[in-house]
Amino acid sequence: QQAGDLSPGIAGVSAAVFADDGQEAQ
């Protein structure tokens, strides 16, 4: 909570959430 702006550290990194294993693989 004290780290401030973390956007430079995650530049080029993306995340995705899937409902199940099949959607994850697809």
mmCIF file of all heavy atoms, coordinates in Angstrom:
data_MODEL
# 
_entry.id   MODEL 
# 
loop_
_atom_site.group_PDB 
_atom_site.id 
_atom_site.type_symbol 
_atom_site.label_atom_id 
_atom_site.label_alt_id 
_atom_site.label_comp_id 
_atom_site.label_asym_id 
_atom_site.label_entity_id 
_atom_site.label_seq_id 
_atom_site.pdbx_PDB_ins_code 
_atom_site.Cartn_x 
_atom_site.Cartn_y 
_atom_site.Cartn_z 
_atom_site.occupancy 
_atom_site.B_iso_or_equiv 
_atom_site.pdbx_formal_charge 
_atom_site.auth_seq_id 
_atom_site.auth_comp_id 
_atom_site.auth_asym_id 
_atom_site.auth_atom_id 
_atom_site.pdbx_PDB_model_num 
ATOM 1   N N   . GLN A 1 1  ? 0.824   -1.217  0.000   1.00 0.00 ? 1  GLN A N   1 
ATOM 2   C CA  . GLN A 1 1  ? 0.000   0.000   0.000   1.00 0.00 ? 1  GLN A CA  1 
ATOM 3   C C   . GLN A 1 1  ? 0.852   1.259   0.000   1.00 0.00 ? 1  GLN A C   1 
ATOM 4   O O   . GLN A 1 1  ? 0.349   2.349   -0.273  1.00 0.00 ? 1  GLN A O   1 
ATOM 5   C CB  . GLN A 1 1  ? -0.923  -0.005  1.227   1.00 0.00 ? 1  GLN A CB  1 
ATOM 6   C CG  . GLN A 1 1  ? -1.891  -1.175  1.256   1.00 0.00 ? 1  GLN A CG  1 
ATOM 7   C CD  . GLN A 1 1  ? -2.731  -1.189  2.516   1.00 0.00 ? 1  GLN A CD  1 
ATOM 8   O OE1 . GLN A 1 1  ? -2.454  -0.450  3.456   1.00 0.00 ? 1  GLN A OE1 1 
ATOM 9   N NE2 . GLN A 1 1  ? -3.755  -2.030  2.534   1.00 0.00 ? 1  GLN A NE2 1 
ATOM 10  N N   . GLN A 1 2  ? 2.124   1.124   0.316   1.00 0.00 ? 2  GLN A N   1 
ATOM 11  C CA  . GLN A 1 2  ? 3.012   2.282   0.372   1.00 0.00 ? 2  GLN A CA  1 
ATOM 12  C C   . GLN A 1 2  ? 3.881   2.403   -0.876  1.00 0.00 ? 2  GLN A C   1 
ATOM 13  O O   . GLN A 1 2  ? 4.714   3.299   -0.965  1.00 0.00 ? 2  GLN A O   1 
ATOM 14  C CB  . GLN A 1 2  ? 3.916   2.176   1.611   1.00 0.00 ? 2  GLN A CB  1 
ATOM 15  C CG  . GLN A 1 2  ? 3.158   1.947   2.915   1.00 0.00 ? 2  GLN A CG  1 
ATOM 16  C CD  . GLN A 1 2  ? 4.075   1.476   4.034   1.00 0.00 ? 2  GLN A CD  1 
ATOM 17  O OE1 . GLN A 1 2  ? 5.291   1.396   3.863   1.00 0.00 ? 2  GLN A OE1 1 
ATOM 18  N NE2 . GLN A 1 2  ? 3.488   1.161   5.193   1.00 0.00 ? 2  GLN A NE2 1 
ATOM 19  N N   . ALA A 1 3  ? 3.695   1.502   -1.824  1.00 0.00 ? 3  ALA A N   1 
ATOM 20  C CA  . ALA A 1 3  ? 4.596   1.449   -2.974  1.00 0.00 ? 3  ALA A CA  1 
ATOM 21  C C   . ALA A 1 3  ? 4.356   2.553   -3.989  1.00 0.00 ? 3  ALA A C   1 
ATOM 22  O O   . ALA A 1 3  ? 5.232   2.868   -4.782  1.00 0.00 ? 3  ALA A O   1 
ATOM 23  C CB  . ALA A 1 3  ? 4.476   0.089   -3.661  1.00 0.00 ? 3  ALA A CB  1 
ATOM 24  N N   . GLY A 1 4  ? 3.176   3.134   -3.975  1.00 0.00 ? 4  GLY A N   1 
ATOM 25  C CA  . GLY A 1 4  ? 2.885   4.187   -4.937  1.00 0.00 ? 4  GLY A CA  1 
ATOM 26  C C   . GLY A 1 4  ? 2.575   3.644   -6.321  1.00 0.00 ? 4  GLY A C   1 
ATOM 27  O O   . GLY A 1 4  ? 1.975   2.572   -6.470  1.00 0.00 ? 4  GLY A O   1 
ATOM 28  N N   . ASP A 1 5  ? 3.012   4.370   -7.357  1.00 0.00 ? 5  ASP A N   1 
ATOM 29  C CA  . ASP A 1 5  ? 2.721   4.002   -8.732  1.00 0.00 ? 5  ASP A CA  1 
ATOM 30  C C   . ASP A 1 5  ? 3.591   2.818   -9.158  1.00 0.00 ? 5  ASP A C   1 
ATOM 31  O O   . ASP A 1 5  ? 4.814   2.906   -9.203  1.00 0.00 ? 5  ASP A O   1 
ATOM 32  C CB  . ASP A 1 5  ? 2.976   5.198   -9.645  1.00 0.00 ? 5  ASP A CB  1 
ATOM 33  C CG  . ASP A 1 5  ? 2.604   4.899   -11.091 1.00 0.00 ? 5  ASP A CG  1 
ATOM 34  O OD1 . ASP A 1 5  ? 1.894   3.893   -11.322 1.00 0.00 ? 5  ASP A OD1 1 
ATOM 35  O OD2 . ASP A 1 5  ? 3.020   5.659   -11.982 1.00 0.00 ? 5  ASP A OD2 1 
ATOM 36  N N   . LEU A 1 6  ? 2.940   1.691   -9.473  1.00 0.00 ? 6  LEU A N   1 
ATOM 37  C CA  . LEU A 1 6  ? 3.662   0.486   -9.879  1.00 0.00 ? 6  LEU A CA  1 
ATOM 38  C C   . LEU A 1 6  ? 3.637   0.261   -11.389 1.00 0.00 ? 6  LEU A C   1 
ATOM 39  O O   . LEU A 1 6  ? 4.152   -0.746  -11.867 1.00 0.00 ? 6  LEU A O   1 
ATOM 40  C CB  . LEU A 1 6  ? 3.051   -0.751  -9.189  1.00 0.00 ? 6  LEU A CB  1 
ATOM 41  C CG  . LEU A 1 6  ? 3.130   -0.776  -7.665  1.00 0.00 ? 6  LEU A CG  1 
ATOM 42  C CD1 . LEU A 1 6  ? 2.399   -2.000  -7.127  1.00 0.00 ? 6  LEU A CD1 1 
ATOM 43  C CD2 . LEU A 1 6  ? 4.572   -0.782  -7.193  1.00 0.00 ? 6  LEU A CD2 1 
ATOM 44  N N   . SER A 1 7  ? 3.039   1.183   -12.116 1.00 0.00 ? 7  SER A N   1 
ATOM 45  C CA  . SER A 1 7  ? 2.887   0.983   -13.560 1.00 0.00 ? 7  SER A CA  1 
ATOM 46  C C   . SER A 1 7  ? 4.219   0.800   -14.293 1.00 0.00 ? 7  SER A C   1 
ATOM 47  O O   . SER A 1 7  ? 4.289   -0.004  -15.229 1.00 0.00 ? 7  SER A O   1 
ATOM 48  C CB  . SER A 1 7  ? 2.089   2.136   -14.175 1.00 0.00 ? 7  SER A CB  1 
ATOM 49  O OG  . SER A 1 7  ? 2.691   3.388   -13.889 1.00 0.00 ? 7  SER A OG  1 
ATOM 50  N N   . PRO A 1 8  ? 5.321   1.493   -13.922 1.00 0.00 ? 8  PRO A N   1 
ATOM 51  C CA  . PRO A 1 8  ? 6.579   1.233   -14.636 1.00 0.00 ? 8  PRO A CA  1 
ATOM 52  C C   . PRO A 1 8  ? 7.065   -0.208  -14.468 1.00 0.00 ? 8  PRO A C   1 
ATOM 53  O O   . PRO A 1 8  ? 7.696   -0.760  -15.365 1.00 0.00 ? 8  PRO A O   1 
ATOM 54  C CB  . PRO A 1 8  ? 7.562   2.225   -13.997 1.00 0.00 ? 8  PRO A CB  1 
ATOM 55  C CG  . PRO A 1 8  ? 6.709   3.310   -13.450 1.00 0.00 ? 8  PRO A CG  1 
ATOM 56  C CD  . PRO A 1 8  ? 5.463   2.626   -12.977 1.00 0.00 ? 8  PRO A CD  1 
ATOM 57  N N   . GLY A 1 9  ? 6.758   -0.821  -13.333 1.00 0.00 ? 9  GLY A N   1 
ATOM 58  C CA  . GLY A 1 9  ? 7.224   -2.175  -13.087 1.00 0.00 ? 9  GLY A CA  1 
ATOM 59  C C   . GLY A 1 9  ? 6.441   -3.238  -13.821 1.00 0.00 ? 9  GLY A C   1 
ATOM 60  O O   . GLY A 1 9  ? 6.930   -4.351  -14.010 1.00 0.00 ? 9  GLY A O   1 
ATOM 61  N N   . ILE A 1 10 ? 5.215   -2.902  -14.226 1.00 0.00 ? 10 ILE A N   1 
ATOM 62  C CA  . ILE A 1 10 ? 4.388   -3.901  -14.918 1.00 0.00 ? 10 ILE A CA  1 
ATOM 63  C C   . ILE A 1 10 ? 4.140   -3.501  -16.369 1.00 0.00 ? 10 ILE A C   1 
ATOM 64  O O   . ILE A 1 10 ? 3.220   -4.020  -17.006 1.00 0.00 ? 10 ILE A O   1 
ATOM 65  C CB  . ILE A 1 10 ? 3.049   -4.105  -14.184 1.00 0.00 ? 10 ILE A CB  1 
ATOM 66  C CG1 . ILE A 1 10 ? 2.288   -2.777  -14.062 1.00 0.00 ? 10 ILE A CG1 1 
ATOM 67  C CG2 . ILE A 1 10 ? 3.270   -4.715  -12.819 1.00 0.00 ? 10 ILE A CG2 1 
ATOM 68  C CD1 . ILE A 1 10 ? 0.917   -2.941  -13.434 1.00 0.00 ? 10 ILE A CD1 1 
ATOM 69  N N   . ALA A 1 11 ? 4.971   -2.614  -16.882 1.00 0.00 ? 11 ALA A N   1 
ATOM 70  C CA  . ALA A 1 11 ? 4.844   -2.228  -18.284 1.00 0.00 ? 11 ALA A CA  1 
ATOM 71  C C   . ALA A 1 11 ? 5.060   -3.443  -19.173 1.00 0.00 ? 11 ALA A C   1 
ATOM 72  O O   . ALA A 1 11 ? 6.031   -4.188  -19.015 1.00 0.00 ? 11 ALA A O   1 
ATOM 73  C CB  . ALA A 1 11 ? 5.857   -1.136  -18.624 1.00 0.00 ? 11 ALA A CB  1 
ATOM 74  N N   . GLY A 1 12 ? 4.126   -3.680  -20.087 1.00 0.00 ? 12 GLY A N   1 
ATOM 75  C CA  . GLY A 1 12 ? 4.228   -4.821  -20.978 1.00 0.00 ? 12 GLY A CA  1 
ATOM 76  C C   . GLY A 1 12 ? 3.692   -6.114  -20.407 1.00 0.00 ? 12 GLY A C   1 
ATOM 77  O O   . GLY A 1 12 ? 3.746   -7.155  -21.061 1.00 0.00 ? 12 GLY A O   1 
ATOM 78  N N   . VAL A 1 13 ? 3.172   -6.076  -19.184 1.00 0.00 ? 13 VAL A N   1 
ATOM 79  C CA  . VAL A 1 13 ? 2.606   -7.260  -18.540 1.00 0.00 ? 13 VAL A CA  1 
ATOM 80  C C   . VAL A 1 13 ? 1.087   -7.155  -18.570 1.00 0.00 ? 13 VAL A C   1 
ATOM 81  O O   . VAL A 1 13 ? 0.524   -6.110  -18.253 1.00 0.00 ? 13 VAL A O   1 
ATOM 82  C CB  . VAL A 1 13 ? 3.092   -7.392  -17.080 1.00 0.00 ? 13 VAL A CB  1 
ATOM 83  C CG1 . VAL A 1 13 ? 2.432   -8.580  -16.395 1.00 0.00 ? 13 VAL A CG1 1 
ATOM 84  C CG2 . VAL A 1 13 ? 4.607   -7.522  -17.042 1.00 0.00 ? 13 VAL A CG2 1 
ATOM 85  N N   . SER A 1 14 ? 0.412   -8.220  -18.954 1.00 0.00 ? 14 SER A N   1 
ATOM 86  C CA  . SER A 1 14 ? -1.046  -8.241  -18.978 1.00 0.00 ? 14 SER A CA  1 
ATOM 87  C C   . SER A 1 14 ? -1.548  -9.432  -18.185 1.00 0.00 ? 14 SER A C   1 
ATOM 88  O O   . SER A 1 14 ? -0.813  -10.401 -17.964 1.00 0.00 ? 14 SER A O   1 
ATOM 89  C CB  . SER A 1 14 ? -1.568  -8.309  -20.420 1.00 0.00 ? 14 SER A CB  1 
ATOM 90  O OG  . SER A 1 14 ? -1.083  -9.478  -21.062 1.00 0.00 ? 14 SER A OG  1 
ATOM 91  N N   . ALA A 1 15 ? -2.779  -9.364  -17.738 1.00 0.00 ? 15 ALA A N   1 
ATOM 92  C CA  . ALA A 1 15 ? -3.369  -10.447 -16.955 1.00 0.00 ? 15 ALA A CA  1 
ATOM 93  C C   . ALA A 1 15 ? -4.745  -10.763 -17.517 1.00 0.00 ? 15 ALA A C   1 
ATOM 94  O O   . ALA A 1 15 ? -5.423  -9.903  -18.092 1.00 0.00 ? 15 ALA A O   1 
ATOM 95  C CB  . ALA A 1 15 ? -3.472  -10.046 -15.483 1.00 0.00 ? 15 ALA A CB  1 
ATOM 96  N N   . ALA A 1 16 ? -5.164  -12.006 -17.367 1.00 0.00 ? 16 ALA A N   1 
ATOM 97  C CA  . ALA A 1 16 ? -6.476  -12.435 -17.843 1.00 0.00 ? 16 ALA A CA  1 
ATOM 98  C C   . ALA A 1 16 ? -7.066  -13.410 -16.838 1.00 0.00 ? 16 ALA A C   1 
ATOM 99  O O   . ALA A 1 16 ? -6.333  -14.198 -16.225 1.00 0.00 ? 16 ALA A O   1 
ATOM 100 C CB  . ALA A 1 16 ? -6.361  -13.087 -19.222 1.00 0.00 ? 16 ALA A CB  1 
ATOM 101 N N   . VAL A 1 17 ? -8.375  -13.357 -16.660 1.00 0.00 ? 17 VAL A N   1 
ATOM 102 C CA  . VAL A 1 17 ? -9.094  -14.251 -15.755 1.00 0.00 ? 17 VAL A CA  1 
ATOM 103 C C   . VAL A 1 17 ? -10.081 -15.063 -16.581 1.00 0.00 ? 17 VAL A C   1 
ATOM 104 O O   . VAL A 1 17 ? -10.860 -14.495 -17.361 1.00 0.00 ? 17 VAL A O   1 
ATOM 105 C CB  . VAL A 1 17 ? -9.838  -13.461 -14.655 1.00 0.00 ? 17 VAL A CB  1 
ATOM 106 C CG1 . VAL A 1 17 ? -10.595 -14.412 -13.738 1.00 0.00 ? 17 VAL A CG1 1 
ATOM 107 C CG2 . VAL A 1 17 ? -8.852  -12.624 -13.853 1.00 0.00 ? 17 VAL A CG2 1 
ATOM 108 N N   . PHE A 1 18 ? -10.058 -16.398 -16.415 1.00 0.00 ? 18 PHE A N   1 
ATOM 109 C CA  . PHE A 1 18 ? -10.920 -17.280 -17.194 1.00 0.00 ? 18 PHE A CA  1 
ATOM 110 C C   . PHE A 1 18 ? -11.842 -18.043 -16.262 1.00 0.00 ? 18 PHE A C   1 
ATOM 111 O O   . PHE A 1 18 ? -11.526 -18.286 -15.087 1.00 0.00 ? 18 PHE A O   1 
ATOM 112 C CB  . PHE A 1 18 ? -10.077 -18.261 -18.005 1.00 0.00 ? 18 PHE A CB  1 
ATOM 113 C CG  . PHE A 1 18 ? -9.116  -17.598 -18.974 1.00 0.00 ? 18 PHE A CG  1 
ATOM 114 C CD1 . PHE A 1 18 ? -7.774  -17.451 -18.653 1.00 0.00 ? 18 PHE A CD1 1 
ATOM 115 C CD2 . PHE A 1 18 ? -9.567  -17.108 -20.191 1.00 0.00 ? 18 PHE A CD2 1 
ATOM 116 C CE1 . PHE A 1 18 ? -6.900  -16.837 -19.520 1.00 0.00 ? 18 PHE A CE1 1 
ATOM 117 C CE2 . PHE A 1 18 ? -8.694  -16.491 -21.074 1.00 0.00 ? 18 PHE A CE2 1 
ATOM 118 C CZ  . PHE A 1 18 ? -7.362  -16.361 -20.744 1.00 0.00 ? 18 PHE A CZ  1 
ATOM 119 N N   . ALA A 1 19 ? -12.972 -18.449 -16.816 1.00 0.00 ? 19 ALA A N   1 
ATOM 120 C CA  . ALA A 1 19 ? -13.997 -19.110 -16.010 1.00 0.00 ? 19 ALA A CA  1 
ATOM 121 C C   . ALA A 1 19 ? -13.637 -20.551 -15.689 1.00 0.00 ? 19 ALA A C   1 
ATOM 122 O O   . ALA A 1 19 ? -13.964 -21.059 -14.622 1.00 0.00 ? 19 ALA A O   1 
ATOM 123 C CB  . ALA A 1 19 ? -15.350 -19.057 -16.725 1.00 0.00 ? 19 ALA A CB  1 
ATOM 124 N N   . ASP A 1 20 ? -12.954 -21.241 -16.603 1.00 0.00 ? 20 ASP A N   1 
ATOM 125 C CA  . ASP A 1 20 ? -12.619 -22.640 -16.370 1.00 0.00 ? 20 ASP A CA  1 
ATOM 126 C C   . ASP A 1 20 ? -11.359 -22.998 -17.152 1.00 0.00 ? 20 ASP A C   1 
ATOM 127 O O   . ASP A 1 20 ? -10.788 -22.172 -17.875 1.00 0.00 ? 20 ASP A O   1 
ATOM 128 C CB  . ASP A 1 20 ? -13.788 -23.563 -16.773 1.00 0.00 ? 20 ASP A CB  1 
ATOM 129 C CG  . ASP A 1 20 ? -14.267 -23.314 -18.194 1.00 0.00 ? 20 ASP A CG  1 
ATOM 130 O OD1 . ASP A 1 20 ? -13.418 -23.159 -19.088 1.00 0.00 ? 20 ASP A OD1 1 
ATOM 131 O OD2 . ASP A 1 20 ? -15.493 -23.266 -18.407 1.00 0.00 ? 20 ASP A OD2 1 
ATOM 132 N N   . ASP A 1 21 ? -10.955 -24.264 -17.021 1.00 0.00 ? 21 ASP A N   1 
ATOM 133 C CA  . ASP A 1 21 ? -9.713  -24.711 -17.667 1.00 0.00 ? 21 ASP A CA  1 
ATOM 134 C C   . ASP A 1 21 ? -9.798  -24.639 -19.191 1.00 0.00 ? 21 ASP A C   1 
ATOM 135 O O   . ASP A 1 21 ? -8.815  -24.314 -19.862 1.00 0.00 ? 21 ASP A O   1 
ATOM 136 C CB  . ASP A 1 21 ? -9.399  -26.146 -17.240 1.00 0.00 ? 21 ASP A CB  1 
ATOM 137 C CG  . ASP A 1 21 ? -9.091  -26.252 -15.758 1.00 0.00 ? 21 ASP A CG  1 
ATOM 138 O OD1 . ASP A 1 21 ? -8.804  -25.202 -15.156 1.00 0.00 ? 21 ASP A OD1 1 
ATOM 139 O OD2 . ASP A 1 21 ? -9.135  -27.366 -15.212 1.00 0.00 ? 21 ASP A OD2 1 
ATOM 140 N N   . GLY A 1 22 ? -10.964 -24.946 -19.728 1.00 0.00 ? 22 GLY A N   1 
ATOM 141 C CA  . GLY A 1 22 ? -11.117 -24.906 -21.176 1.00 0.00 ? 22 GLY A CA  1 
ATOM 142 C C   . GLY A 1 22 ? -10.937 -23.507 -21.731 1.00 0.00 ? 22 GLY A C   1 
ATOM 143 O O   . GLY A 1 22 ? -10.256 -23.304 -22.750 1.00 0.00 ? 22 GLY A O   1 
ATOM 144 N N   . GLN A 1 23 ? -11.561 -22.525 -21.077 1.00 0.00 ? 23 GLN A N   1 
ATOM 145 C CA  . GLN A 1 23 ? -11.418 -21.140 -21.529 1.00 0.00 ? 23 GLN A CA  1 
ATOM 146 C C   . GLN A 1 23 ? -9.977  -20.663 -21.367 1.00 0.00 ? 23 GLN A C   1 
ATOM 147 O O   . GLN A 1 23 ? -9.470  -19.896 -22.195 1.00 0.00 ? 23 GLN A O   1 
ATOM 148 C CB  . GLN A 1 23 ? -12.351 -20.237 -20.744 1.00 0.00 ? 23 GLN A CB  1 
ATOM 149 C CG  . GLN A 1 23 ? -13.814 -20.358 -21.126 1.00 0.00 ? 23 GLN A CG  1 
ATOM 150 C CD  . GLN A 1 23 ? -14.659 -19.261 -20.493 1.00 0.00 ? 23 GLN A CD  1 
ATOM 151 O OE1 . GLN A 1 23 ? -14.122 -18.283 -19.984 1.00 0.00 ? 23 GLN A OE1 1 
ATOM 152 N NE2 . GLN A 1 23 ? -15.974 -19.438 -20.535 1.00 0.00 ? 23 GLN A NE2 1 
ATOM 153 N N   . GLU A 1 24 ? -9.317  -21.107 -20.309 1.00 0.00 ? 24 GLU A N   1 
ATOM 154 C CA  . GLU A 1 24 ? -7.929  -20.709 -20.095 1.00 0.00 ? 24 GLU A CA  1 
ATOM 155 C C   . GLU A 1 24 ? -7.043  -21.192 -21.242 1.00 0.00 ? 24 GLU A C   1 
ATOM 156 O O   . GLU A 1 24 ? -6.254  -20.424 -21.800 1.00 0.00 ? 24 GLU A O   1 
ATOM 157 C CB  . GLU A 1 24 ? -7.434  -21.286 -18.768 1.00 0.00 ? 24 GLU A CB  1 
ATOM 158 C CG  . GLU A 1 24 ? -5.988  -20.922 -18.453 1.00 0.00 ? 24 GLU A CG  1 
ATOM 159 C CD  . GLU A 1 24 ? -5.489  -21.596 -17.188 1.00 0.00 ? 24 GLU A CD  1 
ATOM 160 O OE1 . GLU A 1 24 ? -6.076  -22.629 -16.800 1.00 0.00 ? 24 GLU A OE1 1 
ATOM 161 O OE2 . GLU A 1 24 ? -4.507  -21.106 -16.603 1.00 0.00 ? 24 GLU A OE2 1 
ATOM 162 N N   . ALA A 1 25 ? -7.182  -22.458 -21.614 1.00 0.00 ? 25 ALA A N   1 
ATOM 163 C CA  . ALA A 1 25 ? -6.376  -22.990 -22.706 1.00 0.00 ? 25 ALA A CA  1 
ATOM 164 C C   . ALA A 1 25 ? -6.710  -22.300 -24.022 1.00 0.00 ? 25 ALA A C   1 
ATOM 165 O O   . ALA A 1 25 ? -5.811  -21.982 -24.819 1.00 0.00 ? 25 ALA A O   1 
ATOM 166 C CB  . ALA A 1 25 ? -6.598  -24.497 -22.826 1.00 0.00 ? 25 ALA A CB  1 
ATOM 167 N N   . GLN A 1 26 ? -8.000  -22.065 -24.259 1.00 0.00 ? 26 GLN A N   1 
ATOM 168 C CA  . GLN A 1 26 ? -8.403  -21.407 -25.504 1.00 0.00 ? 26 GLN A CA  1 
ATOM 169 C C   . GLN A 1 26 ? -7.870  -19.981 -25.569 1.00 0.00 ? 26 GLN A C   1 
ATOM 170 O O   . GLN A 1 26 ? -7.395  -19.531 -26.623 1.00 0.00 ? 26 GLN A O   1 
ATOM 171 C CB  . GLN A 1 26 ? -9.933  -21.400 -25.612 1.00 0.00 ? 26 GLN A CB  1 
ATOM 172 C CG  . GLN A 1 26 ? -10.476 -20.926 -26.943 1.00 0.00 ? 26 GLN A CG  1 
ATOM 173 C CD  . GLN A 1 26 ? -10.252 -21.938 -28.059 1.00 0.00 ? 26 GLN A CD  1 
ATOM 174 O OE1 . GLN A 1 26 ? -9.972  -23.107 -27.783 1.00 0.00 ? 26 GLN A OE1 1 
ATOM 175 N NE2 . GLN A 1 26 ? -10.362 -21.499 -29.300 1.00 0.00 ? 26 GLN A NE2 1 
# 
